[in-house]
């Protein structure tokens, strides 16, 4: 019975890593599509979102089955319950990549407003946060997970910088408003990805240490 539980837990971990890989790929492709003005790639990200959604449902069903039939304890219980939260964050990350791809399809219809410099930098930071949060889980490294929150501030700063620059464009030339707003929304989607990666890292710390670092003062 114990061996079967371990096997089912390993399958759950593999599916979680598969979903994380799909979400990371969606981020990378959505930004590549934006930079290269590639409508085919943008549409690919949109079309593959269903695969991620279905995987989330499958993983949640696995978690519920393990909780109901195996009654896990301690770290296994924390892993299963936190996995349900992590896959929700990953699904939302993929949704943000879809949103970026939809913005891209609109932007491609219009002339390029400005060279894209800060948005790819912001995207790289956000993607690295997602990758690192999952790596910290795989490697059982709570210190690595705790460091992710600091990177979120860098993403926020870049987003503020992008907003200020695009606001200047809109003030100086109202004809740029539509394109500028689309790029501002891309920045907000990337900021949200970074926030969700931070949420994942907080779940990793809870799994490994049993501590809630998001609301430390609320613990009994």
N, C-alpha and C. Protein backbone atom coordinates (compact mmCIF):
# COMPACT_ATOMS: atom_id res chain seq x y z
N UNK A 1 0.84 -1.21 0.00
CA UNK A 1 0.00 0.00 0.00
C UNK A 1 0.86 1.25 0.00
N UNK A 2 1.93 1.22 0.82
CA UNK A 2 2.83 2.37 0.89
C UNK A 2 3.53 2.61 -0.43
N UNK A 3 3.95 1.50 -1.08
CA UNK A 3 4.62 1.62 -2.37
C UNK A 3 3.68 2.23 -3.41
N UNK A 4 2.42 1.84 -3.41
CA UNK A 4 1.45 2.39 -4.35
C UNK A 4 1.26 3.89 -4.11
N UNK A 5 1.22 4.28 -2.84
CA UNK A 5 1.08 5.70 -2.51
C UNK A 5 2.27 6.50 -3.06
N UNK A 6 3.48 5.98 -2.87
CA UNK A 6 4.68 6.65 -3.37
C UNK A 6 4.65 6.77 -4.89
N UNK A 7 4.17 5.72 -5.55
CA UNK A 7 4.08 5.76 -7.01
C UNK A 7 3.09 6.83 -7.47
N UNK A 8 1.95 6.90 -6.80
CA UNK A 8 0.94 7.89 -7.16
C UNK A 8 1.44 9.30 -6.87
N UNK A 9 2.21 9.45 -5.80
CA UNK A 9 2.79 10.75 -5.46
C UNK A 9 3.81 11.18 -6.52
N UNK A 10 4.59 10.21 -7.00
CA UNK A 10 5.57 10.52 -8.06
C UNK A 10 4.88 10.93 -9.36
N UNK A 11 3.77 10.27 -9.68
CA UNK A 11 3.00 10.64 -10.88
C UNK A 11 2.48 12.07 -10.73
N UNK A 12 2.00 12.39 -9.54
CA UNK A 12 1.52 13.74 -9.27
C UNK A 12 2.63 14.77 -9.47
N UNK A 13 3.82 14.47 -8.94
CA UNK A 13 4.96 15.38 -9.10
C UNK A 13 5.33 15.55 -10.56
N UNK A 14 5.32 14.46 -11.32
CA UNK A 14 5.65 14.53 -12.74
C UNK A 14 4.65 15.39 -13.50
N UNK A 15 3.38 15.25 -13.19
CA UNK A 15 2.35 16.05 -13.86
C UNK A 15 2.47 17.52 -13.48
N UNK A 16 2.83 17.79 -12.24
CA UNK A 16 3.04 19.17 -11.79
C UNK A 16 4.20 19.80 -12.56
N UNK A 17 5.28 19.07 -12.73
CA UNK A 17 6.43 19.58 -13.48
C UNK A 17 6.09 19.76 -14.95
N UNK A 18 5.27 18.88 -15.49
CA UNK A 18 4.84 19.02 -16.89
C UNK A 18 4.03 20.30 -17.07
N UNK A 19 3.13 20.57 -16.13
CA UNK A 19 2.32 21.78 -16.21
C UNK A 19 3.18 23.02 -16.07
N UNK A 20 4.15 22.97 -15.17
CA UNK A 20 5.06 24.11 -15.00
C UNK A 20 5.84 24.37 -16.28
N UNK A 21 6.29 23.30 -16.94
CA UNK A 21 7.04 23.44 -18.18
C UNK A 21 6.18 24.07 -19.27
N UNK A 22 4.92 23.67 -19.34
CA UNK A 22 4.00 24.23 -20.33
C UNK A 22 3.76 25.72 -20.07
N UNK A 23 3.62 26.08 -18.80
CA UNK A 23 3.40 27.49 -18.44
C UNK A 23 4.62 28.33 -18.78
N UNK A 24 5.81 27.81 -18.46
CA UNK A 24 7.04 28.53 -18.77
C UNK A 24 7.18 28.72 -20.28
N UNK A 25 6.86 27.69 -21.03
CA UNK A 25 6.94 27.75 -22.49
C UNK A 25 5.97 28.78 -23.05
N UNK A 26 4.80 28.86 -22.43
CA UNK A 26 3.79 29.84 -22.89
C UNK A 26 4.29 31.26 -22.70
N UNK A 27 4.96 31.52 -21.57
CA UNK A 27 5.53 32.86 -21.34
C UNK A 27 6.56 33.18 -22.42
N UNK A 28 7.50 32.25 -22.62
CA UNK A 28 8.58 32.48 -23.58
C UNK A 28 8.04 32.73 -24.98
N UNK A 29 7.09 31.92 -25.40
CA UNK A 29 6.56 32.05 -26.76
C UNK A 29 5.72 33.32 -26.92
N UNK A 30 5.01 33.71 -25.87
CA UNK A 30 4.18 34.92 -25.97
C UNK A 30 5.05 36.15 -26.17
N UNK A 31 6.19 36.21 -25.47
CA UNK A 31 7.09 37.36 -25.61
C UNK A 31 7.85 37.29 -26.92
N UNK A 32 8.23 36.11 -27.33
CA UNK A 32 8.90 35.95 -28.64
C UNK A 32 7.96 36.41 -29.76
N UNK A 33 6.69 36.04 -29.64
CA UNK A 33 5.71 36.47 -30.63
C UNK A 33 5.55 37.98 -30.65
N UNK A 34 5.60 38.59 -29.46
CA UNK A 34 5.47 40.05 -29.37
C UNK A 34 6.67 40.74 -30.01
N UNK A 35 7.85 40.31 -29.66
CA UNK A 35 9.07 40.94 -30.16
C UNK A 35 9.22 40.75 -31.66
N UNK A 36 8.92 39.55 -32.13
CA UNK A 36 9.10 39.23 -33.56
C UNK A 36 7.84 39.50 -34.38
N UNK A 37 6.79 39.97 -33.72
CA UNK A 37 5.52 40.28 -34.39
C UNK A 37 5.04 39.07 -35.18
N UNK A 38 4.99 37.93 -34.49
CA UNK A 38 4.68 36.64 -35.09
C UNK A 38 3.27 36.21 -34.67
N UNK A 39 2.32 36.41 -35.55
CA UNK A 39 0.93 36.09 -35.21
C UNK A 39 0.69 34.58 -35.08
N UNK A 40 1.44 33.79 -35.85
CA UNK A 40 1.28 32.33 -35.78
C UNK A 40 1.69 31.81 -34.40
N UNK A 41 2.80 32.32 -33.90
CA UNK A 41 3.27 31.90 -32.58
C UNK A 41 2.33 32.38 -31.49
N UNK A 42 1.83 33.59 -31.62
CA UNK A 42 0.88 34.12 -30.64
C UNK A 42 -0.38 33.25 -30.60
N UNK A 43 -0.85 32.86 -31.75
CA UNK A 43 -2.06 32.02 -31.81
C UNK A 43 -1.78 30.64 -31.23
N UNK A 44 -0.56 30.14 -31.39
CA UNK A 44 -0.19 28.84 -30.81
C UNK A 44 -0.32 28.87 -29.29
N UNK A 45 0.13 29.96 -28.67
CA UNK A 45 0.02 30.10 -27.21
C UNK A 45 -1.45 30.08 -26.80
N UNK A 46 -2.28 30.78 -27.54
CA UNK A 46 -3.71 30.83 -27.23
C UNK A 46 -4.35 29.45 -27.37
N UNK A 47 -3.99 28.74 -28.43
CA UNK A 47 -4.60 27.44 -28.70
C UNK A 47 -4.17 26.37 -27.70
N UNK A 48 -2.95 26.47 -27.18
CA UNK A 48 -2.44 25.44 -26.26
C UNK A 48 -2.91 25.64 -24.83
N UNK A 49 -3.62 26.73 -24.59
CA UNK A 49 -4.08 26.99 -23.23
C UNK A 49 -5.03 25.91 -22.73
N UNK A 50 -5.80 25.35 -23.63
CA UNK A 50 -6.76 24.30 -23.24
C UNK A 50 -6.02 23.09 -22.65
N UNK A 51 -4.86 22.75 -23.21
CA UNK A 51 -4.08 21.63 -22.69
C UNK A 51 -3.68 21.87 -21.23
N UNK A 52 -3.30 23.10 -20.93
CA UNK A 52 -2.91 23.45 -19.56
C UNK A 52 -4.12 23.39 -18.63
N UNK A 53 -5.25 23.88 -19.10
CA UNK A 53 -6.47 23.85 -18.29
C UNK A 53 -6.88 22.42 -17.95
N UNK A 54 -6.80 21.53 -18.94
CA UNK A 54 -7.17 20.13 -18.72
C UNK A 54 -6.21 19.45 -17.75
N UNK A 55 -4.94 19.82 -17.83
CA UNK A 55 -3.95 19.24 -16.92
C UNK A 55 -4.20 19.70 -15.49
N UNK A 56 -4.61 20.95 -15.32
CA UNK A 56 -4.96 21.43 -13.98
C UNK A 56 -6.09 20.60 -13.38
N UNK A 57 -7.10 20.32 -14.18
CA UNK A 57 -8.23 19.52 -13.70
C UNK A 57 -7.77 18.12 -13.31
N UNK A 58 -6.93 17.52 -14.15
CA UNK A 58 -6.41 16.17 -13.87
C UNK A 58 -5.61 16.14 -12.57
N UNK A 59 -4.75 17.13 -12.38
CA UNK A 59 -3.92 17.17 -11.17
C UNK A 59 -4.78 17.36 -9.93
N UNK A 60 -5.77 18.23 -10.02
CA UNK A 60 -6.66 18.44 -8.87
C UNK A 60 -7.41 17.16 -8.53
N UNK A 61 -7.83 16.41 -9.54
CA UNK A 61 -8.51 15.13 -9.29
C UNK A 61 -7.57 14.14 -8.61
N UNK A 62 -6.31 14.11 -9.05
CA UNK A 62 -5.32 13.25 -8.41
C UNK A 62 -5.16 13.61 -6.94
N UNK A 63 -5.08 14.92 -6.66
CA UNK A 63 -4.90 15.38 -5.28
C UNK A 63 -6.08 14.98 -4.41
N UNK A 64 -7.27 15.18 -4.91
CA UNK A 64 -8.47 14.84 -4.14
C UNK A 64 -8.54 13.34 -3.87
N UNK A 65 -8.15 12.54 -4.86
CA UNK A 65 -8.13 11.09 -4.68
C UNK A 65 -7.13 10.68 -3.60
N UNK A 66 -5.95 11.26 -3.64
CA UNK A 66 -4.93 10.92 -2.64
C UNK A 66 -5.37 11.34 -1.24
N UNK A 67 -5.98 12.51 -1.14
CA UNK A 67 -6.45 12.99 0.17
C UNK A 67 -7.55 12.10 0.73
N UNK A 68 -8.46 11.67 -0.15
CA UNK A 68 -9.61 10.88 0.31
C UNK A 68 -9.25 9.44 0.65
N UNK A 69 -8.37 8.85 -0.17
CA UNK A 69 -8.10 7.42 -0.02
C UNK A 69 -6.86 7.09 0.80
N UNK A 70 -5.88 7.98 0.80
CA UNK A 70 -4.60 7.66 1.46
C UNK A 70 -4.42 8.35 2.81
N UNK A 71 -5.18 9.41 3.03
CA UNK A 71 -5.07 10.17 4.29
C UNK A 71 -3.60 10.46 4.66
N UNK A 72 -2.90 11.19 3.80
CA UNK A 72 -1.46 11.45 4.04
C UNK A 72 -1.24 12.33 5.26
N UNK A 73 -0.02 12.29 5.76
CA UNK A 73 0.34 13.06 6.95
C UNK A 73 1.53 13.96 6.66
N UNK A 74 1.74 14.96 7.51
CA UNK A 74 2.93 15.81 7.54
C UNK A 74 3.27 16.39 6.17
N UNK A 75 4.52 16.17 5.73
CA UNK A 75 5.00 16.83 4.51
C UNK A 75 4.23 16.38 3.27
N UNK A 76 3.79 15.12 3.24
CA UNK A 76 3.01 14.64 2.09
C UNK A 76 1.66 15.35 2.02
N UNK A 77 1.05 15.56 3.18
CA UNK A 77 -0.22 16.29 3.22
C UNK A 77 -0.03 17.72 2.75
N UNK A 78 1.04 18.35 3.20
CA UNK A 78 1.31 19.73 2.78
C UNK A 78 1.59 19.80 1.29
N UNK A 79 2.32 18.81 0.77
CA UNK A 79 2.63 18.81 -0.66
C UNK A 79 1.35 18.69 -1.49
N UNK A 80 0.47 17.79 -1.12
CA UNK A 80 -0.74 17.56 -1.91
C UNK A 80 -1.66 18.77 -1.87
N UNK A 81 -1.87 19.32 -0.69
CA UNK A 81 -2.77 20.47 -0.59
C UNK A 81 -2.17 21.70 -1.28
N UNK A 82 -0.86 21.88 -1.15
CA UNK A 82 -0.21 23.03 -1.80
C UNK A 82 -0.13 22.85 -3.31
N UNK A 83 -0.04 21.62 -3.78
CA UNK A 83 -0.03 21.36 -5.21
C UNK A 83 -1.30 21.90 -5.87
N UNK A 84 -2.42 21.76 -5.19
CA UNK A 84 -3.68 22.27 -5.72
C UNK A 84 -3.63 23.79 -5.89
N UNK A 85 -2.94 24.46 -4.99
CA UNK A 85 -2.78 25.90 -5.11
C UNK A 85 -1.76 26.25 -6.19
N UNK A 86 -0.67 25.49 -6.25
CA UNK A 86 0.39 25.77 -7.22
C UNK A 86 -0.14 25.62 -8.65
N UNK A 87 -0.91 24.57 -8.92
CA UNK A 87 -1.42 24.39 -10.29
C UNK A 87 -2.41 25.50 -10.65
N UNK A 88 -3.11 26.02 -9.64
CA UNK A 88 -3.99 27.17 -9.90
C UNK A 88 -3.17 28.38 -10.31
N UNK A 89 -2.04 28.60 -9.63
CA UNK A 89 -1.15 29.71 -9.99
C UNK A 89 -0.57 29.50 -11.38
N UNK A 90 -0.18 28.27 -11.69
CA UNK A 90 0.39 27.97 -13.02
C UNK A 90 -0.65 28.19 -14.12
N UNK A 91 -1.88 27.81 -13.85
CA UNK A 91 -2.95 28.02 -14.84
C UNK A 91 -3.15 29.51 -15.09
N UNK A 92 -3.07 30.30 -14.04
CA UNK A 92 -3.23 31.76 -14.19
C UNK A 92 -2.02 32.37 -14.89
N UNK A 93 -0.85 31.82 -14.66
CA UNK A 93 0.34 32.28 -15.38
C UNK A 93 0.15 32.04 -16.88
N UNK A 94 -0.33 30.85 -17.23
CA UNK A 94 -0.59 30.55 -18.63
C UNK A 94 -1.65 31.48 -19.21
N UNK A 95 -2.64 31.82 -18.40
CA UNK A 95 -3.67 32.77 -18.85
C UNK A 95 -3.06 34.14 -19.16
N UNK A 96 -2.10 34.56 -18.35
CA UNK A 96 -1.43 35.84 -18.59
C UNK A 96 -0.64 35.78 -19.91
N UNK A 97 -0.04 34.64 -20.20
CA UNK A 97 0.67 34.48 -21.47
C UNK A 97 -0.32 34.56 -22.64
N UNK A 98 -1.50 34.01 -22.45
CA UNK A 98 -2.55 34.12 -23.48
C UNK A 98 -2.94 35.59 -23.66
N UNK A 99 -3.08 36.30 -22.55
CA UNK A 99 -3.43 37.73 -22.63
C UNK A 99 -2.37 38.51 -23.41
N UNK A 100 -1.10 38.20 -23.15
CA UNK A 100 -0.01 38.87 -23.88
C UNK A 100 -0.11 38.55 -25.36
N UNK A 101 -0.41 37.30 -25.68
CA UNK A 101 -0.54 36.90 -27.09
C UNK A 101 -1.71 37.63 -27.76
N UNK A 102 -2.78 37.82 -27.03
CA UNK A 102 -3.92 38.57 -27.59
C UNK A 102 -3.55 40.03 -27.82
N UNK A 103 -2.78 40.62 -26.90
CA UNK A 103 -2.29 41.98 -27.10
C UNK A 103 -1.39 42.04 -28.34
N UNK A 104 -0.59 40.99 -28.52
CA UNK A 104 0.32 40.93 -29.67
C UNK A 104 -0.45 40.93 -30.98
N UNK A 105 -1.52 40.17 -31.05
CA UNK A 105 -2.31 40.11 -32.27
C UNK A 105 -2.89 41.48 -32.62
N UNK A 106 -3.20 42.27 -31.60
CA UNK A 106 -3.69 43.63 -31.85
C UNK A 106 -2.55 44.56 -32.28
N UNK A 107 -1.41 44.43 -31.62
CA UNK A 107 -0.27 45.30 -31.92
C UNK A 107 0.29 45.07 -33.32
N UNK A 108 0.24 43.84 -33.78
CA UNK A 108 0.78 43.52 -35.10
C UNK A 108 0.02 44.26 -36.20
N UNK A 109 -1.22 44.57 -35.95
CA UNK A 109 -2.05 45.26 -36.95
C UNK A 109 -1.61 46.72 -37.15
N UNK A 110 -0.77 47.23 -36.25
CA UNK A 110 -0.39 48.63 -36.27
C UNK A 110 1.13 48.77 -36.38
N UNK A 111 1.62 49.95 -36.78
CA UNK A 111 3.08 50.16 -36.85
C UNK A 111 3.70 50.03 -35.45
N UNK A 112 4.95 49.62 -35.42
CA UNK A 112 5.66 49.49 -34.15
C UNK A 112 5.79 50.85 -33.49
N UNK A 113 5.39 50.94 -32.23
CA UNK A 113 5.43 52.22 -31.51
C UNK A 113 6.86 52.60 -31.14
N UNK A 114 7.61 51.63 -30.61
CA UNK A 114 8.98 51.86 -30.15
C UNK A 114 9.70 50.52 -30.05
N UNK A 115 11.03 50.55 -30.09
CA UNK A 115 11.78 49.31 -29.88
C UNK A 115 11.45 48.73 -28.50
N UNK A 116 11.26 47.42 -28.46
CA UNK A 116 10.92 46.77 -27.20
C UNK A 116 12.21 46.37 -26.48
N UNK A 117 12.49 47.06 -25.38
CA UNK A 117 13.70 46.80 -24.61
C UNK A 117 13.35 46.36 -23.19
N UNK A 118 12.59 47.19 -22.49
CA UNK A 118 12.28 46.90 -21.09
C UNK A 118 11.28 45.76 -20.93
N UNK A 119 10.33 45.63 -21.86
CA UNK A 119 9.35 44.54 -21.74
C UNK A 119 10.02 43.17 -21.85
N UNK A 120 10.93 42.93 -22.81
CA UNK A 120 11.63 41.64 -22.81
C UNK A 120 12.46 41.42 -21.54
N UNK A 121 13.06 42.48 -21.00
CA UNK A 121 13.81 42.35 -19.74
C UNK A 121 12.88 41.95 -18.61
N UNK A 122 11.74 42.59 -18.56
CA UNK A 122 10.74 42.28 -17.54
C UNK A 122 10.25 40.83 -17.69
N UNK A 123 10.03 40.42 -18.93
CA UNK A 123 9.56 39.06 -19.20
C UNK A 123 10.60 38.03 -18.76
N UNK A 124 11.87 38.33 -19.03
CA UNK A 124 12.93 37.40 -18.64
C UNK A 124 12.96 37.22 -17.13
N UNK A 125 12.84 38.33 -16.39
CA UNK A 125 12.82 38.27 -14.93
C UNK A 125 11.63 37.45 -14.44
N UNK A 126 10.46 37.71 -15.00
CA UNK A 126 9.25 37.01 -14.57
C UNK A 126 9.35 35.52 -14.87
N UNK A 127 9.86 35.18 -16.05
CA UNK A 127 10.01 33.78 -16.42
C UNK A 127 11.02 33.09 -15.51
N UNK A 128 12.10 33.76 -15.21
CA UNK A 128 13.10 33.18 -14.31
C UNK A 128 12.52 32.94 -12.92
N UNK A 129 11.63 33.82 -12.48
CA UNK A 129 10.98 33.64 -11.18
C UNK A 129 10.13 32.37 -11.17
N UNK A 130 9.41 32.14 -12.26
CA UNK A 130 8.59 30.93 -12.35
C UNK A 130 9.48 29.69 -12.33
N UNK A 131 10.53 29.71 -13.13
CA UNK A 131 11.45 28.57 -13.20
C UNK A 131 12.10 28.31 -11.84
N UNK A 132 12.54 29.38 -11.19
CA UNK A 132 13.23 29.24 -9.91
C UNK A 132 12.28 28.72 -8.83
N UNK A 133 11.04 29.16 -8.86
CA UNK A 133 10.08 28.69 -7.85
C UNK A 133 9.87 27.18 -7.97
N UNK A 134 9.81 26.69 -9.20
CA UNK A 134 9.65 25.24 -9.39
C UNK A 134 10.94 24.50 -9.06
N UNK A 135 12.08 25.09 -9.44
CA UNK A 135 13.38 24.48 -9.09
C UNK A 135 13.54 24.34 -7.58
N UNK A 136 13.08 25.34 -6.85
CA UNK A 136 13.20 25.29 -5.38
C UNK A 136 12.38 24.15 -4.81
N UNK A 137 11.26 23.84 -5.47
CA UNK A 137 10.44 22.70 -5.03
C UNK A 137 11.13 21.38 -5.36
N UNK A 138 11.63 21.26 -6.59
CA UNK A 138 12.29 20.03 -7.02
C UNK A 138 13.52 19.74 -6.16
N UNK A 139 14.29 20.81 -5.88
CA UNK A 139 15.53 20.65 -5.11
C UNK A 139 15.33 20.75 -3.61
N UNK A 140 14.07 20.95 -3.19
CA UNK A 140 13.73 21.09 -1.77
C UNK A 140 14.58 22.16 -1.10
N UNK A 141 14.64 23.32 -1.76
CA UNK A 141 15.50 24.42 -1.33
C UNK A 141 14.64 25.61 -0.90
N UNK A 142 14.33 25.69 0.38
CA UNK A 142 13.46 26.76 0.87
C UNK A 142 14.15 28.12 0.84
N UNK A 143 15.48 28.14 0.97
CA UNK A 143 16.20 29.41 0.91
C UNK A 143 16.10 30.02 -0.49
N UNK A 144 16.19 29.18 -1.50
CA UNK A 144 16.04 29.65 -2.88
C UNK A 144 14.63 30.20 -3.08
N UNK A 145 13.65 29.50 -2.55
CA UNK A 145 12.25 29.95 -2.68
C UNK A 145 12.05 31.31 -2.02
N UNK A 146 12.66 31.52 -0.87
CA UNK A 146 12.49 32.77 -0.14
C UNK A 146 13.10 33.96 -0.87
N UNK A 147 14.10 33.71 -1.71
CA UNK A 147 14.77 34.81 -2.41
C UNK A 147 13.97 35.34 -3.59
N UNK A 148 12.95 34.60 -4.00
CA UNK A 148 12.19 34.99 -5.19
C UNK A 148 11.44 36.30 -4.98
N UNK A 149 10.96 36.52 -3.76
CA UNK A 149 10.21 37.74 -3.47
C UNK A 149 10.99 39.01 -3.79
N UNK A 150 12.30 38.99 -3.61
CA UNK A 150 13.12 40.17 -3.89
C UNK A 150 13.12 40.53 -5.37
N UNK A 151 13.03 39.53 -6.23
CA UNK A 151 13.02 39.78 -7.67
C UNK A 151 11.71 40.44 -8.10
N UNK A 152 10.66 40.18 -7.33
CA UNK A 152 9.36 40.77 -7.66
C UNK A 152 9.44 42.29 -7.65
N UNK A 153 10.25 42.83 -6.75
CA UNK A 153 10.41 44.29 -6.69
C UNK A 153 11.06 44.83 -7.97
N UNK A 154 11.99 44.08 -8.54
CA UNK A 154 12.63 44.50 -9.79
C UNK A 154 11.62 44.54 -10.93
N UNK A 155 10.74 43.55 -10.95
CA UNK A 155 9.69 43.52 -11.98
C UNK A 155 8.75 44.71 -11.82
N UNK A 156 8.38 44.99 -10.57
CA UNK A 156 7.49 46.13 -10.30
C UNK A 156 8.13 47.44 -10.75
N UNK A 157 9.43 47.58 -10.48
CA UNK A 157 10.13 48.82 -10.87
C UNK A 157 10.16 48.98 -12.39
N UNK A 158 10.41 47.89 -13.10
CA UNK A 158 10.42 47.94 -14.56
C UNK A 158 9.04 48.28 -15.10
N UNK A 159 8.03 47.72 -14.47
CA UNK A 159 6.67 48.00 -14.92
C UNK A 159 6.32 49.48 -14.74
N UNK A 160 6.74 50.05 -13.62
CA UNK A 160 6.51 51.49 -13.39
C UNK A 160 7.24 52.33 -14.44
N UNK A 161 8.46 51.91 -14.75
CA UNK A 161 9.27 52.63 -15.75
C UNK A 161 8.61 52.57 -17.12
N UNK A 162 8.12 51.40 -17.49
CA UNK A 162 7.44 51.22 -18.78
C UNK A 162 6.19 52.09 -18.84
N UNK A 163 5.43 52.11 -17.76
CA UNK A 163 4.21 52.91 -17.73
C UNK A 163 4.51 54.40 -17.91
N UNK A 164 5.52 54.89 -17.21
CA UNK A 164 5.85 56.31 -17.31
C UNK A 164 6.29 56.67 -18.73
N UNK A 165 7.08 55.81 -19.34
CA UNK A 165 7.56 56.09 -20.69
C UNK A 165 6.41 56.11 -21.69
N UNK A 166 5.52 55.14 -21.58
CA UNK A 166 4.40 55.06 -22.51
C UNK A 166 3.39 56.18 -22.27
N UNK A 167 3.27 56.61 -21.04
CA UNK A 167 2.40 57.74 -20.74
C UNK A 167 2.90 58.99 -21.45
N UNK A 168 4.21 59.16 -21.50
CA UNK A 168 4.81 60.30 -22.20
C UNK A 168 4.47 60.26 -23.69
N UNK A 169 4.54 59.06 -24.28
CA UNK A 169 4.18 58.91 -25.69
C UNK A 169 2.74 59.37 -25.92
N UNK A 170 1.84 58.93 -25.04
CA UNK A 170 0.42 59.24 -25.23
C UNK A 170 0.14 60.73 -25.08
N UNK A 171 0.85 61.38 -24.16
CA UNK A 171 0.66 62.81 -23.94
C UNK A 171 1.16 63.61 -25.14
N UNK A 172 2.31 63.19 -25.66
CA UNK A 172 2.92 63.93 -26.77
C UNK A 172 2.21 63.69 -28.10
N UNK A 173 1.62 62.51 -28.28
CA UNK A 173 0.97 62.20 -29.55
C UNK A 173 -0.23 61.27 -29.29
N UNK A 174 -1.44 61.81 -29.28
CA UNK A 174 -2.63 61.00 -29.01
C UNK A 174 -2.81 59.83 -29.97
N UNK A 175 -2.18 59.89 -31.14
CA UNK A 175 -2.30 58.79 -32.09
C UNK A 175 -1.64 57.51 -31.59
N UNK A 176 -0.81 57.63 -30.57
CA UNK A 176 -0.11 56.46 -30.04
C UNK A 176 -0.88 55.78 -28.91
N UNK A 177 -2.01 56.35 -28.52
CA UNK A 177 -2.70 55.89 -27.31
C UNK A 177 -3.04 54.40 -27.37
N UNK A 178 -3.64 53.95 -28.46
CA UNK A 178 -4.06 52.54 -28.55
C UNK A 178 -2.88 51.59 -28.40
N UNK A 179 -1.80 51.87 -29.12
CA UNK A 179 -0.62 51.01 -29.06
C UNK A 179 0.03 51.06 -27.67
N UNK A 180 0.08 52.26 -27.10
CA UNK A 180 0.69 52.42 -25.78
C UNK A 180 -0.10 51.66 -24.72
N UNK A 181 -1.42 51.72 -24.80
CA UNK A 181 -2.25 51.01 -23.82
C UNK A 181 -2.05 49.50 -23.93
N UNK A 182 -1.95 49.01 -25.15
CA UNK A 182 -1.70 47.57 -25.33
C UNK A 182 -0.38 47.16 -24.67
N UNK A 183 0.66 47.98 -24.82
CA UNK A 183 1.95 47.66 -24.20
C UNK A 183 1.89 47.81 -22.68
N UNK A 184 1.14 48.77 -22.20
CA UNK A 184 0.95 48.91 -20.74
C UNK A 184 0.29 47.65 -20.18
N UNK A 185 -0.68 47.12 -20.91
CA UNK A 185 -1.35 45.89 -20.47
C UNK A 185 -0.39 44.71 -20.47
N UNK A 186 0.50 44.65 -21.46
CA UNK A 186 1.52 43.59 -21.48
C UNK A 186 2.36 43.66 -20.20
N UNK A 187 2.75 44.88 -19.82
CA UNK A 187 3.51 45.06 -18.59
C UNK A 187 2.75 44.57 -17.37
N UNK A 188 1.47 44.85 -17.33
CA UNK A 188 0.65 44.41 -16.19
C UNK A 188 0.52 42.89 -16.16
N UNK A 189 0.41 42.27 -17.33
CA UNK A 189 0.35 40.80 -17.38
C UNK A 189 1.65 40.19 -16.85
N UNK A 190 2.78 40.78 -17.23
CA UNK A 190 4.07 40.28 -16.75
C UNK A 190 4.22 40.49 -15.24
N UNK A 191 3.75 41.62 -14.76
CA UNK A 191 3.79 41.88 -13.32
C UNK A 191 2.96 40.83 -12.58
N UNK A 192 1.83 40.47 -13.15
CA UNK A 192 0.98 39.45 -12.52
C UNK A 192 1.67 38.09 -12.52
N UNK A 193 2.39 37.76 -13.60
CA UNK A 193 3.14 36.50 -13.64
C UNK A 193 4.16 36.45 -12.51
N UNK A 194 4.85 37.56 -12.30
CA UNK A 194 5.84 37.63 -11.21
C UNK A 194 5.17 37.45 -9.85
N UNK A 195 4.00 38.05 -9.68
CA UNK A 195 3.26 37.89 -8.42
C UNK A 195 2.87 36.43 -8.20
N UNK A 196 2.44 35.77 -9.26
CA UNK A 196 2.03 34.37 -9.15
C UNK A 196 3.22 33.46 -8.87
N UNK A 197 4.38 33.80 -9.45
CA UNK A 197 5.61 33.03 -9.16
C UNK A 197 5.97 33.19 -7.69
N UNK A 198 5.79 34.38 -7.14
CA UNK A 198 6.02 34.61 -5.72
C UNK A 198 5.08 33.76 -4.88
N UNK A 199 3.82 33.67 -5.30
CA UNK A 199 2.85 32.83 -4.59
C UNK A 199 3.29 31.37 -4.57
N UNK A 200 3.81 30.91 -5.71
CA UNK A 200 4.30 29.52 -5.78
C UNK A 200 5.44 29.31 -4.80
N UNK A 201 6.37 30.27 -4.76
CA UNK A 201 7.52 30.14 -3.86
C UNK A 201 7.07 30.09 -2.40
N UNK A 202 6.02 30.82 -2.07
CA UNK A 202 5.49 30.80 -0.70
C UNK A 202 4.89 29.43 -0.37
N UNK A 203 4.27 28.81 -1.37
CA UNK A 203 3.74 27.45 -1.16
C UNK A 203 4.88 26.45 -0.98
N UNK A 204 5.98 26.66 -1.71
CA UNK A 204 7.14 25.77 -1.57
C UNK A 204 7.70 25.83 -0.15
N UNK A 205 7.82 27.04 0.38
CA UNK A 205 8.31 27.19 1.76
C UNK A 205 7.38 26.49 2.73
N UNK A 206 6.07 26.59 2.50
CA UNK A 206 5.11 25.92 3.37
C UNK A 206 5.27 24.41 3.30
N UNK A 207 5.44 23.89 2.08
CA UNK A 207 5.63 22.44 1.92
C UNK A 207 6.86 21.96 2.69
N UNK A 208 7.97 22.68 2.50
CA UNK A 208 9.25 22.22 3.05
C UNK A 208 9.39 22.49 4.55
N UNK A 209 8.90 23.66 5.00
CA UNK A 209 9.13 24.07 6.39
C UNK A 209 7.87 24.08 7.25
N UNK A 210 6.72 23.98 6.60
CA UNK A 210 5.48 24.05 7.35
C UNK A 210 5.18 25.44 7.87
N UNK A 211 5.79 26.47 7.25
CA UNK A 211 5.61 27.85 7.71
C UNK A 211 4.94 28.70 6.64
N UNK A 212 4.03 29.54 7.06
CA UNK A 212 3.35 30.46 6.16
C UNK A 212 4.09 31.78 6.16
N UNK A 213 4.85 32.06 5.09
CA UNK A 213 5.64 33.29 5.04
C UNK A 213 4.86 34.44 4.43
N UNK A 214 3.68 34.12 3.90
CA UNK A 214 2.85 35.19 3.34
C UNK A 214 2.12 35.93 4.45
N UNK A 215 1.62 35.17 5.44
CA UNK A 215 0.94 35.78 6.59
C UNK A 215 1.53 35.19 7.88
N UNK A 216 2.81 35.51 8.14
CA UNK A 216 3.48 34.88 9.28
C UNK A 216 2.84 35.18 10.62
N UNK A 217 2.23 36.34 10.77
CA UNK A 217 1.65 36.74 12.05
C UNK A 217 0.29 36.11 12.30
N UNK A 218 -0.25 35.44 11.27
CA UNK A 218 -1.57 34.82 11.42
C UNK A 218 -1.48 33.38 11.91
N UNK A 219 -0.26 32.84 11.94
CA UNK A 219 -0.10 31.46 12.38
C UNK A 219 -0.31 31.35 13.88
N UNK A 220 -0.92 30.27 14.30
CA UNK A 220 -1.11 30.01 15.74
C UNK A 220 0.08 29.24 16.27
